[in-house]
Amino acid sequence: MGVLVAATGLAAVGVPAATADAATTTVRSGMKITVDETIVTSTSCTLGAVISTSKALTAGHCGNVGQVVYSASGARVGTITANRITRQLDIAVITLAPRVASQQDAIDWDASFWRGQAVSKAGITTGYGQGVITEPRPVLRRAYGFSLAPPFVNQHATYSVDTTLRSEAGDSGAGVRDGRGRVVGILSSGDERSTAIAPVSKLPRDLR
């Protein structure tokens, strides 16, 4: 298994703006999302894909089932209702809050990968970036992340495909797209040299 650093981000925050009007928020891939970690800190990630009018995807290590997901402005985006990280797939499903507007993405649920395949991503930290697939066969990789809450160092293992994409803290959860603009994976972990992505094809049909 390879070892990579999970590309989450930490930020000190106040109490989320519970009165923020969700109806004014458009949920879209590439936007910043936060999940409360402690009463004074939150984890920042990237929303990867809107797969329907009621569901979106991010990285599994960005939050646990039952946790509320907020936008950068503090509006409630939705709640994490499924997380496959314990099944070695770093993908979480967000059920969107009522009345939020959403911009749905094209998804290739049957995507296959090949060496040299062009891919791209848009993360909240490093922005838009392009790369290629270097290891098309999903293999189990272990990643480490750091938090301000016990146990402070978290690790997870996920089946992932390796790429030359560059990523940093906060880019976790970003949607990775093929040459036709379809989301084929969710950014799991990485650094300046390579990034591992969890294939959306491994997400069970009942969670899509």
Protein backbone atom coordinates (compact mmCIF):
# COMPACT_ATOMS: atom_id res chain seq x y z
CA MET A 1 0.00 0.00 0.00
CA GLY A 2 1.20 3.50 -0.73
CA VAL A 3 1.12 6.15 1.98
CA LEU A 4 -0.18 9.62 1.18
CA VAL A 5 -1.37 12.60 3.17
CA ALA A 6 -5.11 13.19 3.21
CA ALA A 7 -5.85 16.52 1.60
CA THR A 8 -8.21 17.92 4.22
CA GLY A 9 -7.94 21.38 5.72
CA LEU A 10 -8.45 22.71 9.23
CA ALA A 11 -9.82 26.10 10.19
CA ALA A 12 -10.80 27.85 13.39
CA VAL A 13 -14.42 28.90 13.20
CA GLY A 14 -17.21 30.34 15.22
CA VAL A 15 -20.65 28.81 15.52
CA PRO A 16 -22.04 28.17 12.01
CA ALA A 17 -24.59 30.69 10.82
CA ALA A 18 -27.65 28.58 11.51
CA THR A 19 -29.90 31.37 10.29
CA ALA A 20 -28.26 31.48 6.88
CA ASP A 21 -30.84 30.92 4.18
CA ALA A 22 -30.08 27.62 2.41
CA ALA A 23 -32.27 28.72 -0.47
CA THR A 24 -29.65 31.34 -1.39
CA THR A 25 -26.93 28.69 -1.70
CA THR A 26 -26.29 26.88 -4.97
CA VAL A 27 -24.61 23.54 -4.33
CA ARG A 28 -22.04 22.77 -7.02
CA SER A 29 -18.87 20.78 -7.50
CA GLY A 30 -15.70 22.58 -6.52
CA MET A 31 -17.28 24.62 -3.74
CA LYS A 32 -15.83 24.80 -0.23
CA ILE A 33 -17.67 22.81 2.41
CA THR A 34 -17.01 22.55 6.15
CA VAL A 35 -17.90 20.02 8.82
CA ASP A 36 -17.60 20.85 12.52
CA GLU A 37 -14.73 18.98 14.14
CA THR A 38 -14.84 20.49 17.62
CA ILE A 39 -16.94 23.32 19.04
CA VAL A 40 -14.34 25.80 17.79
CA THR A 41 -12.79 24.13 14.73
CA SER A 42 -14.00 22.68 11.48
CA THR A 43 -12.66 20.53 8.66
CA SER A 44 -12.65 22.10 5.22
CA CYS A 45 -13.02 20.02 2.08
CA THR A 46 -14.19 20.33 -1.50
CA LEU A 47 -17.60 19.19 -2.71
CA GLY A 48 -16.87 16.73 -5.48
CA ALA A 49 -20.04 16.14 -7.44
CA VAL A 50 -23.77 16.76 -7.36
CA ILE A 51 -25.18 13.43 -8.50
CA SER A 52 -28.91 14.24 -8.26
CA THR A 53 -31.23 16.95 -7.01
CA SER A 54 -30.91 15.46 -3.54
CA LYS A 55 -27.39 13.97 -3.29
CA ALA A 56 -23.76 15.06 -3.57
CA LEU A 57 -20.38 13.44 -2.98
CA THR A 58 -17.22 14.34 -1.11
CA ALA A 59 -14.36 12.37 0.46
CA GLY A 60 -15.28 9.93 3.19
CA HIS A 61 -12.62 11.21 5.59
CA CYS A 62 -14.18 14.69 5.47
CA GLY A 63 -16.96 13.79 7.93
CA ASN A 64 -19.02 11.11 9.60
CA VAL A 65 -22.60 9.97 9.07
CA GLY A 66 -24.98 12.37 10.76
CA GLN A 67 -22.72 15.41 10.58
CA VAL A 68 -24.05 18.61 9.05
CA VAL A 69 -22.25 20.07 6.04
CA TYR A 70 -22.02 23.86 5.66
CA SER A 71 -21.02 26.19 2.85
CA ALA A 72 -18.19 28.69 3.24
CA SER A 73 -20.76 31.30 4.30
CA GLY A 74 -22.22 29.05 7.00
CA ALA A 75 -25.38 28.02 5.15
CA ARG A 76 -26.48 24.45 5.75
CA VAL A 77 -25.79 22.45 2.59
CA GLY A 78 -26.94 19.04 3.83
CA THR A 79 -26.07 16.10 6.05
CA ILE A 80 -23.71 13.17 5.53
CA THR A 81 -26.00 10.15 5.28
CA ALA A 82 -23.59 7.48 4.00
CA ASN A 83 -19.87 6.95 4.27
CA ARG A 84 -17.95 4.09 2.67
CA ILE A 85 -14.59 4.77 4.28
CA THR A 86 -15.04 1.81 6.64
CA ARG A 87 -15.52 -0.31 3.48
CA GLN A 88 -12.21 0.94 2.08
CA LEU A 89 -13.74 3.50 -0.25
CA ASP A 90 -13.05 7.15 0.58
CA ILE A 91 -16.40 8.53 -0.56
CA ALA A 92 -19.22 10.06 1.49
CA VAL A 93 -22.77 10.86 0.35
CA ILE A 94 -24.34 14.16 1.35
CA THR A 95 -28.13 14.37 1.36
CA LEU A 96 -28.86 17.95 0.39
CA ALA A 97 -30.93 20.22 2.60
CA PRO A 98 -34.45 21.12 1.48
CA ARG A 99 -34.79 24.07 -0.87
CA VAL A 100 -31.13 24.30 -1.85
CA ALA A 101 -30.45 24.93 -5.49
CA SER A 102 -28.08 22.47 -7.13
CA GLN A 103 -26.00 22.22 -10.26
CA GLN A 104 -25.94 18.56 -11.27
CA ASP A 105 -22.82 16.98 -12.76
CA ALA A 106 -22.32 14.37 -15.46
CA ILE A 107 -21.08 11.15 -13.83
CA ASP A 108 -19.53 8.10 -15.49
CA TRP A 109 -20.54 5.35 -13.07
CA ASP A 110 -18.90 2.72 -15.29
CA ALA A 111 -15.62 4.53 -15.87
CA SER A 112 -12.50 2.55 -16.61
CA PHE A 113 -8.98 3.94 -16.42
CA TRP A 114 -5.82 3.55 -18.46
CA ARG A 115 -2.25 4.71 -18.09
CA GLY A 116 -1.78 8.17 -19.58
CA GLN A 117 -5.48 9.04 -19.48
CA ALA A 118 -6.04 12.78 -19.06
CA VAL A 119 -7.90 13.87 -15.92
CA SER A 120 -8.60 17.16 -14.17
CA LYS A 121 -9.81 18.44 -10.82
CA ALA A 122 -10.92 21.67 -9.14
CA GLY A 123 -10.10 21.91 -5.44
CA ILE A 124 -10.60 24.79 -3.04
CA THR A 125 -6.88 25.13 -2.33
CA THR A 126 -5.00 24.47 -5.57
CA GLY A 127 -7.85 25.32 -7.93
CA TYR A 128 -8.08 23.78 -11.39
CA GLY A 129 -5.39 21.31 -12.36
CA GLN A 130 -4.70 18.70 -15.01
CA GLY A 131 -2.81 15.45 -14.91
CA VAL A 132 -2.76 11.88 -16.16
CA ILE A 133 -3.45 8.45 -14.72
CA THR A 134 -0.25 6.68 -13.69
CA GLU A 135 -1.68 3.59 -11.98
CA PRO A 136 -5.06 2.65 -13.49
CA ARG A 137 -5.68 -0.42 -11.35
CA PRO A 138 -7.38 0.44 -8.03
CA VAL A 139 -5.10 -0.63 -5.19
CA LEU A 140 -5.44 -0.26 -1.44
CA ARG A 141 -3.57 2.81 -0.21
CA ARG A 142 -3.24 4.16 3.31
CA ALA A 143 -3.44 7.89 3.96
CA TYR A 144 -2.87 9.96 7.07
CA GLY A 145 -4.63 13.14 8.09
CA PHE A 146 -4.23 15.54 10.99
CA SER A 147 -6.94 17.11 13.14
CA LEU A 148 -7.31 19.28 16.23
CA ALA A 149 -9.53 16.69 17.90
CA PRO A 150 -8.49 13.33 19.40
CA PRO A 151 -6.89 11.13 18.18
CA PHE A 152 -5.22 14.05 16.28
CA VAL A 153 -3.68 11.73 13.67
CA ASN A 154 -6.23 9.82 11.62
CA GLN A 155 -5.59 7.17 9.03
CA HIS A 156 -7.77 5.52 6.45
CA ALA A 157 -7.33 2.99 3.68
CA THR A 158 -9.12 3.21 0.38
CA TYR A 159 -9.00 1.59 -3.00
CA SER A 160 -7.77 4.29 -5.32
CA VAL A 161 -6.22 5.09 -8.68
CA ASP A 162 -3.00 7.11 -8.79
CA THR A 163 -2.53 10.26 -10.87
CA THR A 164 -0.06 13.10 -11.45
CA LEU A 165 -2.59 15.65 -10.22
CA ARG A 166 -1.29 18.07 -7.59
CA SER A 167 -3.32 18.58 -4.41
CA GLU A 168 -3.01 20.16 -1.00
CA ALA A 169 -4.99 20.45 2.24
CA GLY A 170 -8.60 21.37 1.48
CA ASP A 171 -8.72 19.67 -1.93
CA SER A 172 -10.05 16.40 -0.45
CA GLY A 173 -13.41 15.48 -1.94
CA ALA A 174 -12.86 17.28 -5.23
CA GLY A 175 -14.40 15.66 -8.29
CA VAL A 176 -11.89 14.24 -10.77
CA ARG A 177 -13.08 14.41 -14.37
CA ASP A 178 -12.17 12.63 -17.58
CA GLY A 179 -11.52 14.30 -20.91
CA ARG A 180 -15.26 14.61 -21.55
CA GLY A 181 -15.90 16.43 -18.29
CA ARG A 182 -17.55 13.52 -16.51
CA VAL A 183 -16.76 12.86 -12.86
CA VAL A 184 -14.94 9.53 -12.57
CA GLY A 185 -13.43 9.79 -9.10
CA ILE A 186 -13.26 11.66 -5.80
CA LEU A 187 -9.94 13.09 -4.64
CA SER A 188 -8.79 11.12 -1.61
CA SER A 189 -5.21 12.08 -0.77
CA GLY A 190 -2.08 13.44 -2.28
CA ASP A 191 0.70 16.00 -2.38
CA GLU A 192 2.62 18.09 -4.91
CA ARG A 193 3.76 15.01 -6.82
CA SER A 194 0.77 12.67 -7.04
CA THR A 195 -2.86 12.34 -5.99
CA ALA A 196 -4.95 9.25 -5.34
CA ILE A 197 -8.60 9.21 -6.37
CA ALA A 198 -11.41 6.91 -5.25
CA PRO A 199 -13.35 5.60 -8.29
CA VAL A 200 -17.06 6.49 -8.23
CA SER A 201 -17.74 3.18 -10.00
CA LYS A 202 -17.19 1.45 -6.65
CA LEU A 203 -20.02 3.36 -4.94
CA PRO A 204 -22.99 0.99 -4.49
CA ARG A 205 -25.96 1.69 -6.74
CA ASP A 206 -28.33 2.23 -3.81
CA LEU A 207 -26.23 5.21 -2.67
CA ARG A 208 -26.15 6.97 -6.03
